Amino acid sequence: MSIEESATPQEYISHHLTQLQIGTGFWSINIDSIFFSIILGLCFLAVFYKVARNATNGVPGRLQTAVEIIISFIDSNVHDMYHGKSKVIAPLSLTIFIWVFLMNLMDLLPIDFLPYIAKHIFNLKALRIVPTADVNITLSMAIGVFILILFYSIKIKGVSGFIKSLTKEPFNYPILIPINFILEGISLLSKPISLGLRLFGNMYSGELIFILIAGLLPWWSQWMLNVPWAIFHIIIITLQAFIFMVLTIVYLSMASEKY
């Protein structure tokens, strides 16, 4: 849907904030967010698989060099922040960083490009192409991290140690066990919520600014705001992927500490 086809800027903005869904209410599924998440995940796997398969000990190509730099960067961050022993943390961190970065990167595509194709070729009424601007996607990833936090907490500390960490901190007095449990429980539950909402809030606001520029300004003047915002948004895109990865490592490192 282009700006010319919209009766008002409000309708244009509302259209671009509408998800392509199946179902209604609580059971509705945002199939556009799921579709682009899967496609970008497969692209990530395909590129890294190709590089790993064609890796050479000689002078590497540009793609192999880029992948090696990314892997070295992730590995150094994991070694600096994760103090336990696990073969999962480094691959998990790499997957989170690249996957979130690719999903964020969709925000730099022209606002009307894919929605226009979806409407005029596939007859779709709505389409949102930035998965991380959908709170369902970001909270789903955060819940996955939360499950790993619980898994490593119980694996490293044991069930009794995990319970002690919730009941004997920060005040190691029997009479204060209920207060400790409330404080530590809130702290534990706030991790996935803050992790998911932080990423969602930043990407949703970034997408909204692009939509506002396209919906309120004439097409010939949009580049004056789109270009500087897109340049600045590249920093936000990378930074949000890095923050999500770093917080995941930190939370799992805390969960892996013996009580």
Protein backbone atom coordinates (compact mmCIF):
# COMPACT_ATOMS: atom_id res chain seq x y z
CA MET A 1 0.00 0.00 0.00
CA SER A 2 1.59 3.27 -1.09
CA ILE A 3 0.93 6.73 0.20
CA GLU A 4 -1.12 7.57 -2.90
CA GLU A 5 -3.52 4.74 -2.16
CA SER A 6 -4.15 5.88 1.41
CA ALA A 7 -7.07 8.16 2.14
CA THR A 8 -5.19 9.72 5.05
CA PRO A 9 -1.73 9.52 6.65
CA GLN A 10 -3.40 7.90 9.67
CA GLU A 11 -4.67 5.03 7.51
CA TYR A 12 -1.24 4.65 5.93
CA ILE A 13 0.48 4.44 9.32
CA SER A 14 -2.16 2.09 10.70
CA HIS A 15 -1.80 -0.18 7.68
CA HIS A 16 1.96 -0.51 8.14
CA LEU A 17 1.52 -1.36 11.81
CA THR A 18 -0.94 -4.17 11.03
CA GLN A 19 0.33 -7.75 11.14
CA LEU A 20 -0.60 -10.47 8.65
CA GLN A 21 -2.44 -12.83 10.98
CA ILE A 22 -4.40 -16.04 11.07
CA GLY A 23 -6.81 -16.68 13.91
CA THR A 24 -8.34 -14.16 16.26
CA GLY A 25 -7.70 -12.84 19.74
CA PHE A 26 -5.25 -14.69 21.95
CA TRP A 27 -4.88 -17.51 19.42
CA SER A 28 -3.93 -15.26 16.51
CA ILE A 29 -0.56 -15.97 14.87
CA ASN A 30 1.55 -13.29 13.17
CA ILE A 31 2.60 -15.35 10.17
CA ASP A 32 4.60 -12.52 8.58
CA SER A 33 6.92 -12.27 11.61
CA ILE A 34 7.32 -16.06 11.76
CA PHE A 35 7.94 -16.28 8.01
CA PHE A 36 10.69 -13.67 7.94
CA SER A 37 12.26 -15.05 11.13
CA ILE A 38 12.55 -18.51 9.58
CA ILE A 39 13.80 -17.20 6.22
CA LEU A 40 16.49 -15.07 7.84
CA GLY A 41 17.52 -17.95 10.10
CA LEU A 42 17.89 -20.21 7.08
CA CYS A 43 19.93 -17.54 5.28
CA PHE A 44 22.26 -17.34 8.27
CA LEU A 45 22.70 -21.13 8.35
CA ALA A 46 23.22 -21.36 4.59
CA VAL A 47 25.92 -18.68 4.49
CA PHE A 48 27.86 -20.00 7.48
CA TYR A 49 27.55 -23.59 6.23
CA LYS A 50 28.91 -22.55 2.83
CA VAL A 51 31.84 -20.72 4.44
CA ALA A 52 32.62 -23.65 6.76
CA ARG A 53 32.49 -26.11 3.87
CA ASN A 54 34.69 -24.03 1.57
CA ALA A 55 37.08 -22.72 4.23
CA THR A 56 40.71 -22.65 3.20
CA ASN A 57 44.00 -22.44 5.10
CA GLY A 58 45.40 -20.13 2.44
CA VAL A 59 44.40 -16.57 1.76
CA PRO A 60 40.70 -16.39 2.69
CA GLY A 61 38.08 -14.66 0.58
CA ARG A 62 36.11 -11.66 1.76
CA LEU A 63 33.16 -13.69 3.02
CA GLN A 64 35.35 -16.13 4.95
CA THR A 65 37.30 -13.22 6.43
CA ALA A 66 34.10 -11.51 7.56
CA VAL A 67 32.78 -14.72 9.14
CA GLU A 68 36.09 -15.38 10.91
CA ILE A 69 36.11 -11.83 12.32
CA ILE A 70 32.56 -12.24 13.63
CA ILE A 71 33.32 -15.64 15.18
CA SER A 72 36.51 -14.31 16.80
CA PHE A 73 34.60 -11.31 18.16
CA ILE A 74 31.84 -13.49 19.65
CA ASP A 75 34.33 -15.99 21.07
CA SER A 76 36.33 -13.27 22.85
CA ASN A 77 33.16 -11.85 24.42
CA VAL A 78 32.08 -15.29 25.61
CA HIS A 79 35.50 -15.96 27.19
CA ASP A 80 35.41 -12.57 28.93
CA MET A 81 31.89 -12.87 30.34
CA TYR A 82 31.08 -16.57 30.73
CA HIS A 83 33.09 -18.22 33.51
CA GLY A 84 31.58 -21.68 33.37
CA LYS A 85 32.27 -24.59 31.05
CA SER A 86 29.79 -25.20 28.25
CA LYS A 87 30.07 -26.02 24.56
CA VAL A 88 26.65 -24.45 23.92
CA ILE A 89 27.21 -20.84 24.99
CA ALA A 90 29.50 -19.73 22.14
CA PRO A 91 27.35 -21.19 19.29
CA LEU A 92 24.24 -19.86 21.03
CA SER A 93 25.76 -16.37 21.30
CA LEU A 94 26.79 -16.43 17.63
CA THR A 95 23.30 -17.53 16.59
CA ILE A 96 21.61 -14.86 18.69
CA PHE A 97 23.85 -12.05 17.43
CA ILE A 98 23.59 -12.87 13.71
CA TRP A 99 19.90 -13.83 13.78
CA VAL A 100 18.82 -10.73 15.71
CA PHE A 101 21.04 -8.54 13.53
CA LEU A 102 19.48 -9.91 10.33
CA MET A 103 15.96 -9.45 11.69
CA ASN A 104 16.82 -5.89 12.72
CA LEU A 105 18.39 -5.24 9.31
CA MET A 106 15.01 -5.68 7.63
CA ASP A 107 14.14 -2.26 9.04
CA LEU A 108 16.43 -0.64 6.45
CA LEU A 109 14.40 -1.90 3.49
CA PRO A 110 12.07 0.68 1.91
CA ILE A 111 8.81 0.78 3.87
CA ASP A 112 6.54 0.15 0.87
CA PHE A 113 8.71 -2.25 -1.13
CA LEU A 114 7.74 -5.70 0.19
CA PRO A 115 4.21 -4.69 1.32
CA TYR A 116 3.55 -3.42 -2.23
CA ILE A 117 4.71 -6.72 -3.73
CA ALA A 118 2.68 -8.67 -1.17
CA LYS A 119 -0.48 -6.74 -2.01
CA HIS A 120 -0.28 -6.61 -5.80
CA ILE A 121 1.20 -10.05 -6.46
CA PHE A 122 0.06 -12.21 -3.54
CA ASN A 123 -3.07 -10.21 -2.64
CA LEU A 124 -2.10 -9.89 1.03
CA LYS A 125 -3.90 -7.18 2.97
CA ALA A 126 -1.01 -6.46 5.35
CA LEU A 127 2.65 -7.31 5.84
CA ARG A 128 5.22 -6.33 8.45
CA ILE A 129 8.76 -7.34 7.60
CA VAL A 130 10.72 -6.58 10.81
CA PRO A 131 10.31 -9.59 13.13
CA THR A 132 11.98 -7.87 16.09
CA ALA A 133 9.38 -5.08 15.92
CA ASP A 134 6.85 -7.76 16.94
CA VAL A 135 6.79 -8.25 20.71
CA ASN A 136 5.75 -11.89 20.25
CA ILE A 137 9.06 -12.69 18.52
CA THR A 138 11.29 -10.86 21.00
CA LEU A 139 9.54 -12.30 24.04
CA SER A 140 9.66 -15.79 22.51
CA MET A 141 13.43 -15.53 22.18
CA ALA A 142 13.66 -14.14 25.71
CA ILE A 143 11.58 -17.04 27.07
CA GLY A 144 13.99 -19.43 25.33
CA VAL A 145 16.87 -17.74 27.15
CA PHE A 146 14.89 -17.92 30.41
CA ILE A 147 14.45 -21.69 30.00
CA LEU A 148 18.22 -22.02 29.55
CA ILE A 149 18.74 -19.92 32.70
CA LEU A 150 16.58 -22.33 34.68
CA PHE A 151 18.29 -25.34 33.08
CA TYR A 152 21.82 -24.18 33.91
CA SER A 153 20.80 -23.00 37.39
CA ILE A 154 19.46 -26.44 38.28
CA LYS A 155 22.22 -28.31 36.43
CA ILE A 156 25.09 -26.43 38.11
CA LYS A 157 23.60 -25.70 41.53
CA GLY A 158 21.27 -28.67 41.82
CA VAL A 159 17.63 -28.35 42.87
CA SER A 160 18.54 -27.61 46.50
CA GLY A 161 21.17 -25.05 45.49
CA PHE A 162 18.73 -23.34 43.14
CA ILE A 163 16.14 -23.11 45.91
CA LYS A 164 18.78 -21.76 48.31
CA SER A 165 19.75 -19.07 45.78
CA LEU A 166 16.12 -17.92 45.80
CA THR A 167 15.61 -18.07 49.56
CA LYS A 168 18.96 -17.22 51.20
CA GLU A 169 19.95 -14.16 49.15
CA PRO A 170 20.39 -11.27 49.72
CA PHE A 171 19.62 -11.70 53.44
CA ASN A 172 20.89 -14.95 54.92
CA TYR A 173 18.44 -15.10 57.84
CA PRO A 174 15.70 -17.77 58.15
CA ILE A 175 13.10 -15.20 59.15
CA LEU A 176 13.71 -13.28 55.90
CA ILE A 177 13.24 -16.26 53.56
CA PRO A 178 9.82 -15.01 52.27
CA ILE A 179 11.28 -11.57 51.49
CA ASN A 180 14.30 -13.14 49.78
CA PHE A 181 12.04 -15.35 47.68
CA ILE A 182 9.93 -12.39 46.56
CA LEU A 183 12.96 -10.26 45.69
CA GLU A 184 14.87 -13.02 43.89
CA GLY A 185 11.71 -14.27 42.16
CA ILE A 186 10.97 -10.82 40.78
CA SER A 187 14.61 -10.45 39.71
CA LEU A 188 14.51 -13.82 37.95
CA LEU A 189 11.22 -13.16 36.15
CA SER A 190 12.24 -9.65 35.13
CA LYS A 191 15.18 -10.96 33.08
CA PRO A 192 13.21 -12.38 30.11
CA ILE A 193 10.68 -9.54 30.24
CA SER A 194 13.33 -6.79 30.14
CA LEU A 195 15.36 -8.72 27.56
CA GLY A 196 12.44 -9.07 25.16
CA LEU A 197 10.87 -5.64 25.69
CA ARG A 198 14.18 -3.77 25.31
CA LEU A 199 14.75 -5.19 21.84
CA PHE A 200 11.10 -4.78 20.84
CA GLY A 201 10.89 -1.17 22.05
CA ASN A 202 13.97 -0.03 20.17
CA MET A 203 13.07 -1.74 16.90
CA TYR A 204 9.39 -0.77 17.05
CA SER A 205 10.26 2.89 17.58
CA GLY A 206 12.80 2.77 14.75
CA GLU A 207 10.28 1.23 12.38
CA LEU A 208 7.64 3.75 13.45
CA ILE A 209 9.91 6.69 12.59
CA PHE A 210 10.42 5.35 9.05
CA ILE A 211 6.63 4.92 8.72
CA LEU A 212 5.96 8.44 10.00
CA ILE A 213 8.44 9.91 7.53
CA ALA A 214 6.85 8.01 4.63
CA GLY A 215 3.29 8.71 5.76
CA LEU A 216 3.54 12.41 6.53
CA LEU A 217 6.03 13.81 4.00
CA PRO A 218 5.83 14.08 0.20
CA TRP A 219 7.75 11.30 -1.56
CA TRP A 220 10.30 13.70 -3.08
CA SER A 221 11.40 15.06 0.31
CA GLN A 222 11.50 11.85 2.36
CA TRP A 223 15.17 11.16 1.60
CA MET A 224 16.23 14.22 3.62
CA LEU A 225 15.12 12.48 6.83
CA ASN A 226 15.30 8.84 5.75
CA VAL A 227 19.00 8.87 4.86
CA PRO A 228 20.38 10.33 8.13
CA TRP A 229 17.97 8.23 10.21
CA ALA A 230 18.94 5.06 8.29
CA ILE A 231 22.65 5.78 8.87
CA PHE A 232 22.05 6.30 12.58
CA HIS A 233 19.73 3.27 12.67
CA ILE A 234 22.56 1.01 11.48
CA ILE A 235 24.23 1.67 14.83
CA ILE A 236 21.01 0.87 16.70
CA ILE A 237 20.50 -2.35 14.73
CA THR A 238 23.99 -3.62 15.53
CA LEU A 239 23.95 -2.41 19.12
CA GLN A 240 20.62 -4.06 19.94
CA ALA A 241 21.81 -7.40 18.55
CA PHE A 242 25.00 -7.08 20.61
CA ILE A 243 23.11 -6.12 23.80
CA PHE A 244 20.72 -9.08 23.45
CA MET A 245 23.71 -11.40 23.02
CA VAL A 246 25.69 -9.88 25.92
CA LEU A 247 22.76 -10.04 28.35
CA THR A 248 22.17 -13.66 27.37
CA ILE A 249 25.80 -14.52 28.15
CA VAL A 250 25.71 -12.60 31.44
CA TYR A 251 22.46 -14.23 32.58
CA LEU A 252 23.73 -17.70 31.73
CA SER A 253 27.05 -16.98 33.44
CA MET A 254 25.19 -15.98 36.61
CA ALA A 255 23.06 -19.11 36.35
CA SER A 256 26.20 -21.27 36.00
CA GLU A 257 27.80 -20.02 39.21
CA LYS A 258 27.85 -22.61 41.97
CA TYR A 259 25.98 -21.70 45.10
